[in-house]
Amino acid sequence: MRTVRVVAAVIENNGRYLITQRRPTAVLPLLWEFPGGRVEEGETDALALKREVMHRVGVGIDVGQLISFVSHPYERYVVDLYLYECRLTGGDPIAQNVHSYLWVTSAEFDRYPFTPADEASMTKLLGLP
């Protein structure tokens, strides 16, 4: 089975985290996730994350340390999801290549249906069983 390397940004601002909603036409439509995407061949995680976050929500970021890794099998491939601590460096988010975005507290995460890989990452991140 094919493995896809995916990176995602945990961006915190005043106790709230940026989450994005996948488009209705995407795989896993309308589910929520931390902003990010696929790492292309020859690209570092940091470069991929900066490119993907800019593409999806139009903001610049600084990429910090790796905070979580999960490998999640889907029907046709496995997603290796690397979650990085990130900081906004410029701009206000806009939903340019996502359906929507929100700033939510960690206590509000369970109100939003997340992708399975992001769900596993959050559980690990928050130290939940």
C-alpha atoms as a PDB file:
ATOM      1  CA  MET A   1       0.000   0.000   0.000  1.00  0.00           C
ATOM      2  CA  ARG A   2       1.237   3.485  -0.911  1.00  0.00           C
ATOM      3  CA  THR A   3       2.321   5.856   1.876  1.00  0.00           C
ATOM      4  CA  VAL A   4       1.679   9.597   1.624  1.00  0.00           C
ATOM      5  CA  ARG A   5       3.727  11.976   3.785  1.00  0.00           C
ATOM      6  CA  VAL A   6       1.523  14.810   5.053  1.00  0.00           C
ATOM      7  CA  VAL A   7       2.435  17.774   7.247  1.00  0.00           C
ATOM      8  CA  ALA A   8       0.074  19.914   9.292  1.00  0.00           C
ATOM      9  CA  ALA A   9       0.435  23.110  11.302  1.00  0.00           C
ATOM     10  CA  VAL A  10      -0.715  23.614  14.860  1.00  0.00           C
ATOM     11  CA  ILE A  11      -1.083  27.393  14.950  1.00  0.00           C
ATOM     12  CA  GLU A  12      -2.148  28.844  18.302  1.00  0.00           C
ATOM     13  CA  ASN A  13      -3.274  32.417  18.836  1.00  0.00           C
ATOM     14  CA  ASN A  14      -4.617  33.631  22.206  1.00  0.00           C
ATOM     15  CA  GLY A  15      -5.582  30.120  23.306  1.00  0.00           C
ATOM     16  CA  ARG A  16      -7.290  29.248  20.022  1.00  0.00           C
ATOM     17  CA  TYR A  17      -6.108  26.946  17.253  1.00  0.00           C
ATOM     18  CA  LEU A  18      -6.572  27.353  13.511  1.00  0.00           C
ATOM     19  CA  ILE A  19      -8.524  24.506  11.910  1.00  0.00           C
ATOM     20  CA  THR A  20      -9.701  24.236   8.313  1.00  0.00           C
ATOM     21  CA  GLN A  21     -12.613  22.460   6.678  1.00  0.00           C
ATOM     22  CA  ARG A  22     -12.027  20.385   3.557  1.00  0.00           C
ATOM     23  CA  ARG A  23     -13.937  21.342   0.420  1.00  0.00           C
ATOM     24  CA  PRO A  24     -17.141  19.454  -0.504  1.00  0.00           C
ATOM     25  CA  THR A  25     -15.375  17.975  -3.566  1.00  0.00           C
ATOM     26  CA  ALA A  26     -12.258  16.804  -1.674  1.00  0.00           C
ATOM     27  CA  VAL A  27     -11.487  13.329  -0.407  1.00  0.00           C
ATOM     28  CA  LEU A  28     -13.059  13.204   3.087  1.00  0.00           C
ATOM     29  CA  PRO A  29     -15.381  16.111   2.186  1.00  0.00           C
ATOM     30  CA  LEU A  30     -16.209  18.772   4.773  1.00  0.00           C
ATOM     31  CA  LEU A  31     -14.174  17.162   7.544  1.00  0.00           C
ATOM     32  CA  TRP A  32     -11.946  19.410   9.667  1.00  0.00           C
ATOM     33  CA  GLU A  33      -8.169  19.271   9.984  1.00  0.00           C
ATOM     34  CA  PHE A  34      -5.146  21.287  10.917  1.00  0.00           C
ATOM     35  CA  PRO A  35      -3.983  23.227   7.830  1.00  0.00           C
ATOM     36  CA  GLY A  36      -1.324  21.534   5.738  1.00  0.00           C
ATOM     37  CA  GLY A  37      -0.941  19.009   2.970  1.00  0.00           C
ATOM     38  CA  ARG A  38       1.273  16.648   1.057  1.00  0.00           C
ATOM     39  CA  VAL A  39       5.047  16.812   1.020  1.00  0.00           C
ATOM     40  CA  GLU A  40       6.222  16.755  -2.604  1.00  0.00           C
ATOM     41  CA  GLU A  41       9.304  14.812  -3.680  1.00  0.00           C
ATOM     42  CA  GLY A  42      12.522  16.664  -2.836  1.00  0.00           C
ATOM     43  CA  GLU A  43      10.725  19.037  -0.461  1.00  0.00           C
ATOM     44  CA  THR A  44      11.434  19.389   3.261  1.00  0.00           C
ATOM     45  CA  ASP A  45       8.561  19.227   5.736  1.00  0.00           C
ATOM     46  CA  ALA A  46       9.053  22.930   6.574  1.00  0.00           C
ATOM     47  CA  LEU A  47       8.934  24.039   2.921  1.00  0.00           C
ATOM     48  CA  ALA A  48       5.876  21.891   2.242  1.00  0.00           C
ATOM     49  CA  LEU A  49       4.121  23.264   5.306  1.00  0.00           C
ATOM     50  CA  LYS A  50       4.826  26.894   4.396  1.00  0.00           C
ATOM     51  CA  ARG A  51       3.624  26.275   0.821  1.00  0.00           C
ATOM     52  CA  GLU A  52       0.483  24.406   1.832  1.00  0.00           C
ATOM     53  CA  VAL A  53      -0.586  26.840   4.574  1.00  0.00           C
ATOM     54  CA  MET A  54      -0.070  29.809   2.216  1.00  0.00           C
ATOM     55  CA  HIS A  55      -2.020  27.991  -0.526  1.00  0.00           C
ATOM     56  CA  ARG A  56      -4.927  27.037   1.733  1.00  0.00           C
ATOM     57  CA  VAL A  57      -5.369  30.029   4.053  1.00  0.00           C
ATOM     58  CA  GLY A  58      -3.048  32.729   2.688  1.00  0.00           C
ATOM     59  CA  VAL A  59      -0.817  33.250   5.723  1.00  0.00           C
ATOM     60  CA  GLY A  60       2.914  33.018   6.303  1.00  0.00           C
ATOM     61  CA  ILE A  61       4.220  30.799   9.083  1.00  0.00           C
ATOM     62  CA  ASP A  62       7.407  29.898  10.900  1.00  0.00           C
ATOM     63  CA  VAL A  63       7.690  26.158  11.377  1.00  0.00           C
ATOM     64  CA  GLY A  64       8.769  25.034  14.840  1.00  0.00           C
ATOM     65  CA  GLN A  65       9.330  21.639  16.370  1.00  0.00           C
ATOM     66  CA  LEU A  66       7.642  18.369  15.492  1.00  0.00           C
ATOM     67  CA  ILE A  67       5.021  17.721  18.151  1.00  0.00           C
ATOM     68  CA  SER A  68       3.249  14.591  16.947  1.00  0.00           C
ATOM     69  CA  PHE A  69       3.435  11.812  14.378  1.00  0.00           C
ATOM     70  CA  VAL A  70       0.751   9.285  13.487  1.00  0.00           C
ATOM     71  CA  SER A  71       0.465   6.749  10.707  1.00  0.00           C
ATOM     72  CA  HIS A  72      -3.136   6.121   9.674  1.00  0.00           C
ATOM     73  CA  PRO A  73      -4.287   3.515   7.117  1.00  0.00           C
ATOM     74  CA  TYR A  74      -7.082   4.526   4.761  1.00  0.00           C
ATOM     75  CA  GLU A  75      -8.719   2.242   2.196  1.00  0.00           C
ATOM     76  CA  ARG A  76      -6.197   2.826  -0.628  1.00  0.00           C
ATOM     77  CA  TYR A  77      -3.137   4.333   1.102  1.00  0.00           C
ATOM     78  CA  VAL A  78      -1.482   5.103   4.424  1.00  0.00           C
ATOM     79  CA  VAL A  79      -1.078   8.686   5.637  1.00  0.00           C
ATOM     80  CA  ASP A  80       2.003   9.483   7.704  1.00  0.00           C
ATOM     81  CA  LEU A  81       0.955  12.731   9.391  1.00  0.00           C
ATOM     82  CA  TYR A  82       3.592  14.975  10.947  1.00  0.00           C
ATOM     83  CA  LEU A  83       2.173  17.736  13.137  1.00  0.00           C
ATOM     84  CA  TYR A  84       4.374  20.794  13.699  1.00  0.00           C
ATOM     85  CA  GLU A  85       4.122  23.675  16.116  1.00  0.00           C
ATOM     86  CA  CYS A  86       3.896  26.813  13.944  1.00  0.00           C
ATOM     87  CA  ARG A  87       3.624  30.556  14.412  1.00  0.00           C
ATOM     88  CA  LEU A  88       1.880  33.084  12.167  1.00  0.00           C
ATOM     89  CA  THR A  89       4.308  35.546  10.585  1.00  0.00           C
ATOM     90  CA  GLY A  90       1.953  37.597   8.474  1.00  0.00           C
ATOM     91  CA  GLY A  91      -1.566  38.078   7.236  1.00  0.00           C
ATOM     92  CA  ASP A  92      -4.988  37.060   8.426  1.00  0.00           C
ATOM     93  CA  PRO A  93      -6.361  33.690   7.306  1.00  0.00           C
ATOM     94  CA  ILE A  94      -8.768  33.577   4.370  1.00  0.00           C
ATOM     95  CA  ALA A  95     -10.582  30.500   3.076  1.00  0.00           C
ATOM     96  CA  GLN A  96      -8.954  30.502  -0.349  1.00  0.00           C
ATOM     97  CA  ASN A  97      -8.430  26.765  -0.913  1.00  0.00           C
ATOM     98  CA  VAL A  98     -10.507  25.345   1.930  1.00  0.00           C
ATOM     99  CA  HIS A  99     -14.253  25.386   2.508  1.00  0.00           C
ATOM    100  CA  SER A 100     -13.934  27.266   5.791  1.00  0.00           C
ATOM    101  CA  TYR A 101     -11.646  27.934   8.736  1.00  0.00           C
ATOM    102  CA  LEU A 102     -12.150  28.621  12.431  1.00  0.00           C
ATOM    103  CA  TRP A 103     -10.151  29.560  15.506  1.00  0.00           C
ATOM    104  CA  VAL A 104     -11.202  27.147  18.284  1.00  0.00           C
ATOM    105  CA  THR A 105     -10.025  26.189  21.754  1.00  0.00           C
ATOM    106  CA  SER A 106      -8.783  22.652  22.375  1.00  0.00           C
ATOM    107  CA  ALA A 107     -11.914  22.081  24.479  1.00  0.00           C
ATOM    108  CA  GLU A 108     -14.010  22.751  21.346  1.00  0.00           C
ATOM    109  CA  PHE A 109     -12.208  20.208  19.116  1.00  0.00           C
ATOM    110  CA  ASP A 110     -14.828  17.525  19.765  1.00  0.00           C
ATOM    111  CA  ARG A 111     -17.541  19.741  18.235  1.00  0.00           C
ATOM    112  CA  TYR A 112     -15.984  19.314  14.778  1.00  0.00           C
ATOM    113  CA  PRO A 113     -15.700  16.078  12.804  1.00  0.00           C
ATOM    114  CA  PHE A 114     -11.970  15.737  12.027  1.00  0.00           C
ATOM    115  CA  THR A 115     -10.279  13.494   9.483  1.00  0.00           C
ATOM    116  CA  PRO A 116      -9.237  10.149  11.047  1.00  0.00           C
ATOM    117  CA  ALA A 117      -5.514  10.972  10.884  1.00  0.00           C
ATOM    118  CA  ASP A 118      -6.058  14.403  12.486  1.00  0.00           C
ATOM    119  CA  GLU A 119      -8.324  12.821  15.106  1.00  0.00           C
ATOM    120  CA  ALA A 120      -5.566  10.357  16.030  1.00  0.00           C
ATOM    121  CA  SER A 121      -3.042  13.204  16.153  1.00  0.00           C
ATOM    122  CA  MET A 122      -5.250  15.325  18.400  1.00  0.00           C
ATOM    123  CA  THR A 123      -5.854  12.425  20.753  1.00  0.00           C
ATOM    124  CA  LYS A 124      -2.105  11.918  21.036  1.00  0.00           C
ATOM    125  CA  LEU A 125      -1.461  15.681  21.314  1.00  0.00           C
ATOM    126  CA  LEU A 126      -3.985  16.163  24.102  1.00  0.00           C
ATOM    127  CA  GLY A 127      -2.948  12.972  25.917  1.00  0.00           C
ATOM    128  CA  LEU A 128      -6.414  11.430  25.625  1.00  0.00           C
ATOM    129  CA  PRO A 129      -7.041   7.655  25.841  1.00  0.00           C
END
